[in-house]
Amino acid sequence: MSTAENGLSEIEREGLELIRETGGIHQSEFWKELDVDSRKGSRIIDGLEEQELVEREETVYDGHNTYLVTPIRDPRDLEFSMLMAGDMLSPFVGDEEVDPQSDAFSQWVMSLAYED
C-alpha cells in the first residue's frame, strides 16, 4: 500500500478498490456502486485524484457528459513475470541495446514458446 493510500478513509478505500477492480468506471456508475449521492461521490473522486491515485477524463456515457475515472498504476505494482521465460529474464531489460536477431533474444523467445 502506498503512502497516499494509508491516509484514505474507509469509503475512499472502497472507491479506489472499485475503480481498480473495474479498470475504470463512469462517475455516475461509481456513485451507484458505492451507494452515495453525486456530491459525496465527487468528493471521494476529488480526494483520490488529489492523491494521484486516479484520473478523470471527460466522456459521453448514455448520451450525457460525464467522466471516466481510471486508476493510476503505482510503478511498484508492475507485473515482472511478463519479462520472464522460465527462469530467463528478457535480454531487453537493462541499459544495453539488444539486437533482436541475437542468440540471447532467440533463446529467450524459444523458452517462451516451450513453456508449459
PDB file of N, CA and C in Angstrom:
ATOM      1  N   MET A   1       0.846  -1.176   0.000  1.00  0.00           N
ATOM      2  CA  MET A   1       0.000   0.000   0.000  1.00  0.00           C
ATOM      3  C   MET A   1       0.892   1.240   0.000  1.00  0.00           C
ATOM      4  N   SER A   2       0.576   2.168  -0.871  1.00  0.00           N
ATOM      5  CA  SER A   2       1.395   3.373  -0.969  1.00  0.00           C
ATOM      6  C   SER A   2       1.108   4.307   0.202  1.00  0.00           C
ATOM      7  N   THR A   3       1.989   5.275   0.402  1.00  0.00           N
ATOM      8  CA  THR A   3       1.822   6.253   1.472  1.00  0.00           C
ATOM      9  C   THR A   3       0.506   7.001   1.310  1.00  0.00           C
ATOM     10  N   ALA A   4       0.150   7.367   0.085  1.00  0.00           N
ATOM     11  CA  ALA A   4      -1.102   8.085  -0.168  1.00  0.00           C
ATOM     12  C   ALA A   4      -2.296   7.251   0.265  1.00  0.00           C
ATOM     13  N   GLU A   5      -2.238   5.949   0.042  1.00  0.00           N
ATOM     14  CA  GLU A   5      -3.360   5.079   0.395  1.00  0.00           C
ATOM     15  C   GLU A   5      -3.526   4.935   1.899  1.00  0.00           C
ATOM     16  N   ASN A   6      -2.442   5.103   2.657  1.00  0.00           N
ATOM     17  CA  ASN A   6      -2.522   4.969   4.118  1.00  0.00           C
ATOM     18  C   ASN A   6      -3.474   5.978   4.734  1.00  0.00           C
ATOM     19  N   GLY A   7      -3.579   7.170   4.149  1.00  0.00           N
ATOM     20  CA  GLY A   7      -4.406   8.221   4.723  1.00  0.00           C
ATOM     21  C   GLY A   7      -5.846   8.239   4.232  1.00  0.00           C
ATOM     22  N   LEU A   8      -6.279   7.209   3.507  1.00  0.00           N
ATOM     23  CA  LEU A   8      -7.632   7.195   2.957  1.00  0.00           C
ATOM     24  C   LEU A   8      -8.663   6.793   4.004  1.00  0.00           C
ATOM     25  N   SER A   9      -9.852   7.373   3.866  1.00  0.00           N
ATOM     26  CA  SER A   9     -10.966   6.951   4.709  1.00  0.00           C
ATOM     27  C   SER A   9     -11.479   5.606   4.192  1.00  0.00           C
ATOM     28  N   GLU A  10     -12.344   4.987   4.943  1.00  0.00           N
ATOM     29  CA  GLU A  10     -12.880   3.687   4.539  1.00  0.00           C
ATOM     30  C   GLU A  10     -13.629   3.775   3.207  1.00  0.00           C
ATOM     31  N   ILE A  11     -14.435   4.812   3.023  1.00  0.00           N
ATOM     32  CA  ILE A  11     -15.197   4.964   1.781  1.00  0.00           C
ATOM     33  C   ILE A  11     -14.272   5.276   0.600  1.00  0.00           C
ATOM     34  N   GLU A  12     -13.188   6.012   0.848  1.00  0.00           N
ATOM     35  CA  GLU A  12     -12.215   6.278  -0.219  1.00  0.00           C
ATOM     36  C   GLU A  12     -11.498   4.987  -0.621  1.00  0.00           C
ATOM     37  N   ARG A  13     -11.149   4.159   0.350  1.00  0.00           N
ATOM     38  CA  ARG A  13     -10.517   2.862   0.047  1.00  0.00           C
ATOM     39  C   ARG A  13     -11.469   1.991  -0.781  1.00  0.00           C
ATOM     40  N   GLU A  14     -12.736   1.988  -0.372  1.00  0.00           N
ATOM     41  CA  GLU A  14     -13.740   1.209  -1.088  1.00  0.00           C
ATOM     42  C   GLU A  14     -13.883   1.715  -2.532  1.00  0.00           C
ATOM     43  N   GLY A  15     -13.895   3.042  -2.685  1.00  0.00           N
ATOM     44  CA  GLY A  15     -13.996   3.639  -4.014  1.00  0.00           C
ATOM     45  C   GLY A  15     -12.778   3.323  -4.873  1.00  0.00           C
ATOM     46  N   LEU A  16     -11.593   3.410  -4.291  1.00  0.00           N
ATOM     47  CA  LEU A  16     -10.365   3.103  -5.023  1.00  0.00           C
ATOM     48  C   LEU A  16     -10.349   1.641  -5.441  1.00  0.00           C
ATOM     49  N   GLU A  17     -10.766   0.761  -4.559  1.00  0.00           N
ATOM     50  CA  GLU A  17     -10.819  -0.664  -4.879  1.00  0.00           C
ATOM     51  C   GLU A  17     -11.786  -0.912  -6.050  1.00  0.00           C
ATOM     52  N   LEU A  18     -12.934  -0.247  -6.029  1.00  0.00           N
ATOM     53  CA  LEU A  18     -13.908  -0.369  -7.112  1.00  0.00           C
ATOM     54  C   LEU A  18     -13.308   0.090  -8.442  1.00  0.00           C
ATOM     55  N   ILE A  19     -12.636   1.220  -8.424  1.00  0.00           N
ATOM     56  CA  ILE A  19     -12.019   1.766  -9.645  1.00  0.00           C
ATOM     57  C   ILE A  19     -10.939   0.820 -10.155  1.00  0.00           C
ATOM     58  N   ARG A  20     -10.150   0.279  -9.261  1.00  0.00           N
ATOM     59  CA  ARG A  20      -9.085  -0.649  -9.663  1.00  0.00           C
ATOM     60  C   ARG A  20      -9.662  -1.961 -10.196  1.00  0.00           C
ATOM     61  N   GLU A  21     -10.684  -2.483  -9.528  1.00  0.00           N
ATOM     62  CA  GLU A  21     -11.288  -3.745  -9.958  1.00  0.00           C
ATOM     63  C   GLU A  21     -11.911  -3.624 -11.344  1.00  0.00           C
ATOM     64  N   THR A  22     -12.545  -2.503 -11.616  1.00  0.00           N
ATOM     65  CA  THR A  22     -13.214  -2.318 -12.905  1.00  0.00           C
ATOM     66  C   THR A  22     -12.235  -1.878 -13.983  1.00  0.00           C
ATOM     67  N   GLY A  23     -11.093  -1.350 -13.577  1.00  0.00           N
ATOM     68  CA  GLY A  23     -10.126  -0.830 -14.544  1.00  0.00           C
ATOM     69  C   GLY A  23     -10.506   0.549 -15.043  1.00  0.00           C
ATOM     70  N   GLY A  24     -11.630   1.054 -14.601  1.00  0.00           N
ATOM     71  CA  GLY A  24     -12.157   2.358 -14.989  1.00  0.00           C
ATOM     72  C   GLY A  24     -13.665   2.304 -14.926  1.00  0.00           C
ATOM     73  N   ILE A  25     -14.273   3.348 -14.425  1.00  0.00           N
ATOM     74  CA  ILE A  25     -15.721   3.371 -14.240  1.00  0.00           C
ATOM     75  C   ILE A  25     -16.227   4.782 -14.487  1.00  0.00           C
ATOM     76  N   HIS A  26     -17.415   4.871 -15.073  1.00  0.00           N
ATOM     77  CA  HIS A  26     -18.015   6.195 -15.272  1.00  0.00           C
ATOM     78  C   HIS A  26     -18.456   6.732 -13.923  1.00  0.00           C
ATOM     79  N   GLN A  27     -18.321   8.028 -13.760  1.00  0.00           N
ATOM     80  CA  GLN A  27     -18.586   8.672 -12.478  1.00  0.00           C
ATOM     81  C   GLN A  27     -19.984   8.338 -11.958  1.00  0.00           C
ATOM     82  N   SER A  28     -21.002   8.361 -12.821  1.00  0.00           N
ATOM     83  CA  SER A  28     -22.373   8.081 -12.378  1.00  0.00           C
ATOM     84  C   SER A  28     -22.521   6.638 -11.884  1.00  0.00           C
ATOM     85  N   GLU A  29     -21.832   5.709 -12.518  1.00  0.00           N
ATOM     86  CA  GLU A  29     -21.867   4.316 -12.077  1.00  0.00           C
ATOM     87  C   GLU A  29     -21.119   4.147 -10.760  1.00  0.00           C
ATOM     88  N   PHE A  30     -20.061   4.915 -10.593  1.00  0.00           N
ATOM     89  CA  PHE A  30     -19.274   4.899  -9.357  1.00  0.00           C
ATOM     90  C   PHE A  30     -20.165   5.236  -8.166  1.00  0.00           C
ATOM     91  N   TRP A  31     -20.968   6.310  -8.308  1.00  0.00           N
ATOM     92  CA  TRP A  31     -21.865   6.722  -7.216  1.00  0.00           C
ATOM     93  C   TRP A  31     -22.861   5.630  -6.887  1.00  0.00           C
ATOM     94  N   LYS A  32     -23.425   5.019  -7.942  1.00  0.00           N
ATOM     95  CA  LYS A  32     -24.430   3.968  -7.729  1.00  0.00           C
ATOM     96  C   LYS A  32     -23.818   2.765  -7.023  1.00  0.00           C
ATOM     97  N   GLU A  33     -22.642   2.349  -7.484  1.00  0.00           N
ATOM     98  CA  GLU A  33     -21.990   1.175  -6.899  1.00  0.00           C
ATOM     99  C   GLU A  33     -21.630   1.391  -5.425  1.00  0.00           C
ATOM    100  N   LEU A  34     -21.234   2.608  -5.097  1.00  0.00           N
ATOM    101  CA  LEU A  34     -20.877   2.911  -3.705  1.00  0.00           C
ATOM    102  C   LEU A  34     -22.085   3.292  -2.862  1.00  0.00           C
ATOM    103  N   ASP A  35     -23.230   3.485  -3.536  1.00  0.00           N
ATOM    104  CA  ASP A  35     -24.463   3.895  -2.866  1.00  0.00           C
ATOM    105  C   ASP A  35     -24.288   5.224  -2.114  1.00  0.00           C
ATOM    106  N   VAL A  36     -23.747   6.201  -2.861  1.00  0.00           N
ATOM    107  CA  VAL A  36     -23.594   7.556  -2.324  1.00  0.00           C
ATOM    108  C   VAL A  36     -24.210   8.537  -3.316  1.00  0.00           C
ATOM    109  N   ASP A  37     -24.523   9.740  -2.853  1.00  0.00           N
ATOM    110  CA  ASP A  37     -25.067  10.744  -3.779  1.00  0.00           C
ATOM    111  C   ASP A  37     -23.933  11.334  -4.616  1.00  0.00           C
ATOM    112  N   SER A  38     -24.310  12.073  -5.648  1.00  0.00           N
ATOM    113  CA  SER A  38     -23.311  12.601  -6.579  1.00  0.00           C
ATOM    114  C   SER A  38     -22.334  13.548  -5.898  1.00  0.00           C
ATOM    115  N   ARG A  39     -22.812  14.302  -4.942  1.00  0.00           N
ATOM    116  CA  ARG A  39     -21.935  15.246  -4.243  1.00  0.00           C
ATOM    117  C   ARG A  39     -20.838  14.517  -3.465  1.00  0.00           C
ATOM    118  N   LYS A  40     -21.253  13.501  -2.706  1.00  0.00           N
ATOM    119  CA  LYS A  40     -20.277  12.730  -1.930  1.00  0.00           C
ATOM    120  C   LYS A  40     -19.357  11.954  -2.872  1.00  0.00           C
ATOM    121  N   GLY A  41     -19.918  11.389  -3.939  1.00  0.00           N
ATOM    122  CA  GLY A  41     -19.112  10.658  -4.913  1.00  0.00           C
ATOM    123  C   GLY A  41     -18.048  11.541  -5.530  1.00  0.00           C
ATOM    124  N   SER A  42     -18.422  12.782  -5.864  1.00  0.00           N
ATOM    125  CA  SER A  42     -17.452  13.725  -6.435  1.00  0.00           C
ATOM    126  C   SER A  42     -16.338  14.049  -5.447  1.00  0.00           C
ATOM    127  N   ARG A  43     -16.702  14.201  -4.180  1.00  0.00           N
ATOM    128  CA  ARG A  43     -15.674  14.484  -3.160  1.00  0.00           C
ATOM    129  C   ARG A  43     -14.707  13.319  -3.001  1.00  0.00           C
ATOM    130  N   ILE A  44     -15.248  12.102  -3.070  1.00  0.00           N
ATOM    131  CA  ILE A  44     -14.384  10.916  -2.961  1.00  0.00           C
ATOM    132  C   ILE A  44     -13.391  10.901  -4.117  1.00  0.00           C
ATOM    133  N   ILE A  45     -13.914  11.100  -5.333  1.00  0.00           N
ATOM    134  CA  ILE A  45     -13.043  11.090  -6.511  1.00  0.00           C
ATOM    135  C   ILE A  45     -12.051  12.241  -6.460  1.00  0.00           C
ATOM    136  N   ASP A  46     -12.504  13.429  -6.031  1.00  0.00           N
ATOM    137  CA  ASP A  46     -11.593  14.577  -5.891  1.00  0.00           C
ATOM    138  C   ASP A  46     -10.416  14.218  -4.985  1.00  0.00           C
ATOM    139  N   GLY A  47     -10.708  13.573  -3.845  1.00  0.00           N
ATOM    140  CA  GLY A  47      -9.662  13.201  -2.905  1.00  0.00           C
ATOM    141  C   GLY A  47      -8.688  12.195  -3.502  1.00  0.00           C
ATOM    142  N   LEU A  48      -9.224  11.205  -4.212  1.00  0.00           N
ATOM    143  CA  LEU A  48      -8.363  10.196  -4.839  1.00  0.00           C
ATOM    144  C   LEU A  48      -7.521  10.804  -5.950  1.00  0.00           C
ATOM    145  N   GLU A  49      -8.121  11.763  -6.658  1.00  0.00           N
ATOM    146  CA  GLU A  49      -7.396  12.435  -7.742  1.00  0.00           C
ATOM    147  C   GLU A  49      -6.283  13.330  -7.184  1.00  0.00           C
ATOM    148  N   GLU A  50      -6.558  14.034  -6.099  1.00  0.00           N
ATOM    149  CA  GLU A  50      -5.542  14.893  -5.472  1.00  0.00           C
ATOM    150  C   GLU A  50      -4.339  14.084  -5.007  1.00  0.00           C
ATOM    151  N   GLN A  51      -4.591  12.848  -4.592  1.00  0.00           N
ATOM    152  CA  GLN A  51      -3.501  11.993  -4.122  1.00  0.00           C
ATOM    153  C   GLN A  51      -2.862  11.193  -5.270  1.00  0.00           C
ATOM    154  N   GLU A  52      -3.279  11.529  -6.494  1.00  0.00           N
ATOM    155  CA  GLU A  52      -2.732  10.917  -7.716  1.00  0.00           C
ATOM    156  C   GLU A  52      -2.908   9.399  -7.735  1.00  0.00           C
ATOM    157  N   LEU A  53      -4.073   8.945  -7.253  1.00  0.00           N
ATOM    158  CA  LEU A  53      -4.405   7.525  -7.291  1.00  0.00           C
ATOM    159  C   LEU A  53      -5.331   7.199  -8.452  1.00  0.00           C
ATOM    160  N   VAL A  54      -6.075   8.216  -8.922  1.00  0.00           N
ATOM    161  CA  VAL A  54      -6.980   8.051 -10.065  1.00  0.00           C
ATOM    162  C   VAL A  54      -6.893   9.290 -10.943  1.00  0.00           C
ATOM    163  N   GLU A  55      -7.416   9.145 -12.163  1.00  0.00           N
ATOM    164  CA  GLU A  55      -7.525  10.300 -13.040  1.00  0.00           C
ATOM    165  C   GLU A  55      -8.884  10.264 -13.722  1.00  0.00           C
ATOM    166  N   ARG A  56      -9.361  11.451 -14.094  1.00  0.00           N
ATOM    167  CA  ARG A  56     -10.660  11.596 -14.755  1.00  0.00           C
ATOM    168  C   ARG A  56     -10.459  12.089 -16.172  1.00  0.00           C
ATOM    169  N   GLU A  57     -11.285  11.552 -17.070  1.00  0.00           N
ATOM    170  CA  GLU A  57     -11.267  12.001 -18.452  1.00  0.00           C
ATOM    171  C   GLU A  57     -12.707  12.247 -18.884  1.00  0.00           C
ATOM    172  N   GLU A  58     -12.947  13.427 -19.471  1.00  0.00           N
ATOM    173  CA  GLU A  58     -14.293  13.747 -19.947  1.00  0.00           C
ATOM    174  C   GLU A  58     -14.714  12.763 -21.015  1.00  0.00           C
ATOM    175  N   THR A  59     -15.983  12.347 -20.965  1.00  0.00           N
ATOM    176  CA  THR A  59     -16.517  11.407 -21.937  1.00  0.00           C
ATOM    177  C   THR A  59     -18.030  11.573 -22.013  1.00  0.00           C
ATOM    178  N   VAL A  60     -18.644  10.906 -22.966  1.00  0.00           N
ATOM    179  CA  VAL A  60     -20.101  10.862 -23.078  1.00  0.00           C
ATOM    180  C   VAL A  60     -20.523   9.432 -22.789  1.00  0.00           C
ATOM    181  N   TYR A  61     -21.478   9.275 -21.883  1.00  0.00           N
ATOM    182  CA  TYR A  61     -21.964   7.956 -21.485  1.00  0.00           C
ATOM    183  C   TYR A  61     -23.474   8.011 -21.398  1.00  0.00           C
ATOM    184  N   ASP A  62     -24.154   7.114 -22.084  1.00  0.00           N
ATOM    185  CA  ASP A  62     -25.622   7.118 -22.152  1.00  0.00           C
ATOM    186  C   ASP A  62     -26.166   8.473 -22.581  1.00  0.00           C
ATOM    187  N   GLY A  63     -25.461   9.132 -23.504  1.00  0.00           N
ATOM    188  CA  GLY A  63     -25.918  10.414 -24.035  1.00  0.00           C
ATOM    189  C   GLY A  63     -25.679  11.611 -23.133  1.00  0.00           C
ATOM    190  N   HIS A  64     -24.947  11.418 -22.043  1.00  0.00           N
ATOM    191  CA  HIS A  64     -24.685  12.517 -21.097  1.00  0.00           C
ATOM    192  C   HIS A  64     -23.182  12.738 -20.961  1.00  0.00           C
ATOM    193  N   ASN A  65     -22.806  13.987 -20.764  1.00  0.00           N
ATOM    194  CA  ASN A  65     -21.403  14.297 -20.469  1.00  0.00           C
ATOM    195  C   ASN A  65     -21.095  13.832 -19.056  1.00  0.00           C
ATOM    196  N   THR A  66     -20.005  13.135 -18.913  1.00  0.00           N
ATOM    197  CA  THR A  66     -19.600  12.635 -17.605  1.00  0.00           C
ATOM    198  C   THR A  66     -18.086  12.454 -17.619  1.00  0.00           C
ATOM    199  N   TYR A  67     -17.582  11.730 -16.658  1.00  0.00           N
ATOM    200  CA  TYR A  67     -16.151  11.438 -16.577  1.00  0.00           C
ATOM    201  C   TYR A  67     -15.946   9.941 -16.458  1.00  0.00           C
ATOM    202  N   LEU A  68     -14.875   9.469 -17.071  1.00  0.00           N
ATOM    203  CA  LEU A  68     -14.410   8.107 -16.866  1.00  0.00           C
ATOM    204  C   LEU A  68     -13.272   8.213 -15.859  1.00  0.00           C
ATOM    205  N   VAL A  69     -13.402   7.493 -14.767  1.00  0.00           N
ATOM    206  CA  VAL A  69     -12.398   7.524 -13.704  1.00  0.00           C
ATOM    207  C   VAL A  69     -11.587   6.244 -13.797  1.00  0.00           C
ATOM    208  N   THR A  70     -10.270   6.392 -13.949  1.00  0.00           N
ATOM    209  CA  THR A  70      -9.393   5.233 -14.087  1.00  0.00           C
ATOM    210  C   THR A  70      -8.285   5.280 -13.038  1.00  0.00           C
ATOM    211  N   PRO A  71      -7.792   4.102 -12.645  1.00  0.00           N
ATOM    212  CA  PRO A  71      -6.705   4.070 -11.657  1.00  0.00           C
ATOM    213  C   PRO A  71      -5.388   4.491 -12.290  1.00  0.00           C
ATOM    214  N   ILE A  72      -4.561   5.109 -11.496  1.00  0.00           N
ATOM    215  CA  ILE A  72      -3.189   5.400 -11.902  1.00  0.00           C
ATOM    216  C   ILE A  72      -2.346   4.301 -11.287  1.00  0.00           C
ATOM    217  N   ARG A  73      -1.625   3.604 -12.114  1.00  0.00           N
ATOM    218  CA  ARG A  73      -0.822   2.475 -11.635  1.00  0.00           C
ATOM    219  C   ARG A  73       0.390   2.959 -10.851  1.00  0.00           C
ATOM    220  N   ASP A  74       0.609   2.303  -9.746  1.00  0.00           N
ATOM    221  CA  ASP A  74       1.803   2.531  -8.948  1.00  0.00           C
ATOM    222  C   ASP A  74       2.931   1.752  -9.624  1.00  0.00           C
ATOM    223  N   PRO A  75       4.046   2.404  -9.958  1.00  0.00           N
ATOM    224  CA  PRO A  75       5.133   1.697 -10.636  1.00  0.00           C
ATOM    225  C   PRO A  75       5.630   0.476  -9.864  1.00  0.00           C
ATOM    226  N   ARG A  76       5.381   0.452  -8.572  1.00  0.00           N
ATOM    227  CA  ARG A  76       5.815  -0.703  -7.775  1.00  0.00           C
ATOM    228  C   ARG A  76       4.902  -1.902  -7.986  1.00  0.00           C
ATOM    229  N   ASP A  77       3.746  -1.704  -8.664  1.00  0.00           N
ATOM    230  CA  ASP A  77       2.797  -2.782  -8.899  1.00  0.00           C
ATOM    231  C   ASP A  77       2.971  -3.448 -10.258  1.00  0.00           C
ATOM    232  N   LEU A  78       4.083  -3.213 -10.926  1.00  0.00           N
ATOM    233  CA  LEU A  78       4.297  -3.787 -12.245  1.00  0.00           C
ATOM    234  C   LEU A  78       4.402  -5.310 -12.165  1.00  0.00           C
ATOM    235  N   GLU A  79       3.945  -5.973 -13.206  1.00  0.00           N
ATOM    236  CA  GLU A  79       3.981  -7.423 -13.278  1.00  0.00           C
ATOM    237  C   GLU A  79       5.276  -7.853 -13.975  1.00  0.00           C
ATOM    238  N   PHE A  80       6.279  -8.172 -13.196  1.00  0.00           N
ATOM    239  CA  PHE A  80       7.585  -8.503 -13.743  1.00  0.00           C
ATOM    240  C   PHE A  80       7.635  -9.894 -14.363  1.00  0.00           C
ATOM    241  N   SER A  81       6.653 -10.739 -14.066  1.00  0.00           N
ATOM    242  CA  SER A  81       6.660 -12.074 -14.659  1.00  0.00           C
ATOM    243  C   SER A  81       6.541 -12.006 -16.178  1.00  0.00           C
ATOM    244  N   MET A  82       6.025 -10.892 -16.705  1.00  0.00           N
ATOM    245  CA  MET A  82       5.913 -10.721 -18.148  1.00  0.00           C
ATOM    246  C   MET A  82       7.288 -10.633 -18.802  1.00  0.00           C
ATOM    247  N   LEU A  83       8.316 -10.374 -18.024  1.00  0.00           N
ATOM    248  CA  LEU A  83       9.673 -10.268 -18.557  1.00  0.00           C
ATOM    249  C   LEU A  83      10.413 -11.598 -18.509  1.00  0.00           C
ATOM    250  N   MET A  84       9.735 -12.620 -17.994  1.00  0.00           N
ATOM    251  CA  MET A  84      10.395 -13.896 -17.782  1.00  0.00           C
ATOM    252  C   MET A  84       9.947 -14.932 -18.802  1.00  0.00           C
ATOM    253  N   ALA A  85      10.862 -15.810 -19.155  1.00  0.00           N
ATOM    254  CA  ALA A  85      10.578 -17.020 -19.916  1.00  0.00           C
ATOM    255  C   ALA A  85      11.235 -18.136 -19.125  1.00  0.00           C
ATOM    256  N   GLY A  86      10.431 -18.859 -18.349  1.00  0.00           N
ATOM    257  CA  GLY A  86      11.005 -19.838 -17.418  1.00  0.00           C
ATOM    258  C   GLY A  86      11.823 -19.097 -16.390  1.00  0.00           C
ATOM    259  N   ASP A  87      13.105 -19.430 -16.309  1.00  0.00           N
ATOM    260  CA  ASP A  87      13.979 -18.728 -15.368  1.00  0.00           C
ATOM    261  C   ASP A  87      14.876 -17.719 -16.077  1.00  0.00           C
ATOM    262  N   MET A  88      14.562 -17.424 -17.347  1.00  0.00           N
ATOM    263  CA  MET A  88      15.365 -16.465 -18.121  1.00  0.00           C
ATOM    264  C   MET A  88      14.687 -15.106 -18.157  1.00  0.00           C
ATOM    265  N   LEU A  89      15.429 -14.082 -17.801  1.00  0.00           N
ATOM    266  CA  LEU A  89      14.952 -12.709 -17.889  1.00  0.00           C
ATOM    267  C   LEU A  89      15.132 -12.201 -19.309  1.00  0.00           C
ATOM    268  N   SER A  90      14.177 -11.416 -19.778  1.00  0.00           N
ATOM    269  CA  SER A  90      14.269 -10.870 -21.130  1.00  0.00           C
ATOM    270  C   SER A  90      15.596 -10.152 -21.328  1.00  0.00           C
ATOM    271  N   PRO A  91      16.242 -10.384 -22.454  1.00  0.00           N
ATOM    272  CA  PRO A  91      17.510  -9.694 -22.711  1.00  0.00           C
ATOM    273  C   PRO A  91      17.326  -8.199 -22.971  1.00  0.00           C
ATOM    274  N   PHE A  92      16.085  -7.747 -23.125  1.00  0.00           N
ATOM    275  CA  PHE A  92      15.844  -6.327 -23.360  1.00  0.00           C
ATOM    276  C   PHE A  92      15.807  -5.520 -22.062  1.00  0.00           C
ATOM    277  N   VAL A  93      15.923  -6.182 -20.924  1.00  0.00           N
ATOM    278  CA  VAL A  93      15.939  -5.488 -19.638  1.00  0.00           C
ATOM    279  C   VAL A  93      17.366  -5.054 -19.355  1.00  0.00           C
ATOM    280  N   GLY A  94      17.554  -3.783 -19.112  1.00  0.00           N
ATOM    281  CA  GLY A  94      18.887  -3.284 -18.799  1.00  0.00           C
ATOM    282  C   GLY A  94      19.248  -2.102 -19.674  1.00  0.00           C
ATOM    283  N   ASP A  95      20.475  -1.687 -19.555  1.00  0.00           N
ATOM    284  CA  ASP A  95      20.945  -0.495 -20.249  1.00  0.00           C
ATOM    285  C   ASP A  95      21.466  -0.789 -21.653  1.00  0.00           C
ATOM    286  N   GLU A  96      21.816  -2.030 -21.911  1.00  0.00           N
ATOM    287  CA  GLU A  96      22.428  -2.361 -23.191  1.00  0.00           C
ATOM    288  C   GLU A  96      21.378  -2.476 -24.289  1.00  0.00           C
ATOM    289  N   GLU A  97      21.780  -2.123 -25.491  1.00  0.00           N
ATOM    290  CA  GLU A  97      20.908  -2.300 -26.637  1.00  0.00           C
ATOM    291  C   GLU A  97      21.067  -3.740 -27.117  1.00  0.00           C
ATOM    292  N   VAL A  98      19.944  -4.427 -27.351  1.00  0.00           N
ATOM    293  CA  VAL A  98      19.986  -5.826 -27.748  1.00  0.00           C
ATOM    294  C   VAL A  98      19.513  -5.946 -29.188  1.00  0.00           C
ATOM    295  N   ASP A  99      20.259  -6.713 -29.951  1.00  0.00           N
ATOM    296  CA  ASP A  99      19.893  -6.995 -31.335  1.00  0.00           C
ATOM    297  C   ASP A  99      18.804  -8.073 -31.324  1.00  0.00           C
ATOM    298  N   PRO A 100      17.632  -7.798 -31.927  1.00  0.00           N
ATOM    299  CA  PRO A 100      16.557  -8.793 -31.925  1.00  0.00           C
ATOM    300  C   PRO A 100      16.930 -10.083 -32.668  1.00  0.00           C
ATOM    301  N   GLN A 101      18.037 -10.074 -33.371  1.00  0.00           N
ATOM    302  CA  GLN A 101      18.472 -11.287 -34.048  1.00  0.00           C
ATOM    303  C   GLN A 101      19.618 -11.966 -33.303  1.00  0.00           C
ATOM    304  N   SER A 102      19.874 -11.510 -32.068  1.00  0.00           N
ATOM    305  CA  SER A 102      20.959 -12.093 -31.273  1.00  0.00           C
ATOM    306  C   SER A 102      20.561 -13.459 -30.725  1.00  0.00           C
ATOM    307  N   ASP A 103      21.575 -14.238 -30.360  1.00  0.00           N
ATOM    308  CA  ASP A 103      21.342 -15.562 -29.773  1.00  0.00           C
ATOM    309  C   ASP A 103      20.580 -15.442 -28.446  1.00  0.00           C
ATOM    310  N   ALA A 104      20.922 -14.431 -27.631  1.00  0.00           N
ATOM    311  CA  ALA A 104      20.267 -14.255 -26.330  1.00  0.00           C
ATOM    312  C   ALA A 104      18.765 -14.049 -26.512  1.00  0.00           C
ATOM    313  N   PHE A 105      18.404 -13.211 -27.464  1.00  0.00           N
ATOM    314  CA  PHE A 105      16.982 -12.959 -27.706  1.00  0.00           C
ATOM    315  C   PHE A 105      16.308 -14.214 -28.266  1.00  0.00           C
ATOM    316  N   SER A 106      16.936 -14.887 -29.193  1.00  0.00           N
ATOM    317  CA  SER A 106      16.371 -16.111 -29.781  1.00  0.00           C
ATOM    318  C   SER A 106      16.138 -17.169 -28.712  1.00  0.00           C
ATOM    319  N   GLN A 107      17.098 -17.337 -27.809  1.00  0.00           N
ATOM    320  CA  GLN A 107      16.943 -18.318 -26.731  1.00  0.00           C
ATOM    321  C   GLN A 107      15.787 -17.950 -25.815  1.00  0.00           C
ATOM    322  N   TRP A 108      15.645 -16.669 -25.526  1.00  0.00           N
ATOM    323  CA  TRP A 108      14.561 -16.207 -24.652  1.00  0.00           C
ATOM    324  C   TRP A 108      13.213 -16.479 -25.313  1.00  0.00           C
ATOM    325  N   VAL A 109      13.082 -16.174 -26.602  1.00  0.00           N
ATOM    326  CA  VAL A 109      11.832 -16.410 -27.327  1.00  0.00           C
ATOM    327  C   VAL A 109      11.530 -17.908 -27.380  1.00  0.00           C
ATOM    328  N   MET A 110      12.532 -18.714 -27.621  1.00  0.00           N
ATOM    329  CA  MET A 110      12.314 -20.164 -27.650  1.00  0.00           C
ATOM    330  C   MET A 110      11.874 -20.686 -26.281  1.00  0.00           C
ATOM    331  N   SER A 111      12.387 -20.118 -25.212  1.00  0.00           N
ATOM    332  CA  SER A 111      11.952 -20.507 -23.874  1.00  0.00           C
ATOM    333  C   SER A 111      10.483 -20.173 -23.680  1.00  0.00           C
ATOM    334  N   LEU A 112      10.044 -19.041 -24.210  1.00  0.00           N
ATOM    335  CA  LEU A 112       8.620 -18.677 -24.132  1.00  0.00           C
ATOM    336  C   LEU A 112       7.780 -19.695 -24.904  1.00  0.00           C
ATOM    337  N   ALA A 113       8.250 -20.054 -26.069  1.00  0.00           N
ATOM    338  CA  ALA A 113       7.493 -20.965 -26.932  1.00  0.00           C
ATOM    339  C   ALA A 113       7.324 -22.348 -26.311  1.00  0.00           C
ATOM    340  N   TYR A 114       8.319 -22.798 -25.539  1.00  0.00           N
ATOM    341  CA  TYR A 114       8.267 -24.146 -24.981  1.00  0.00           C
ATOM    342  C   TYR A 114       7.812 -24.204 -23.534  1.00  0.00           C
ATOM    343  N   GLU A 115       7.367 -23.070 -22.981  1.00  0.00           N
ATOM    344  CA  GLU A 115       6.841 -23.080 -21.616  1.00  0.00           C
ATOM    345  C   GLU A 115       5.543 -23.845 -21.568  1.00  0.00           C
ATOM    346  N   ASP A 116       5.293 -24.509 -20.464  1.00  0.00           N
ATOM    347  CA  ASP A 116       4.017 -25.241 -20.285  1.00  0.00           C
ATOM    348  C   ASP A 116       2.901 -24.291 -20.019  1.00  0.00           C
TER     349      ASP A 116
END
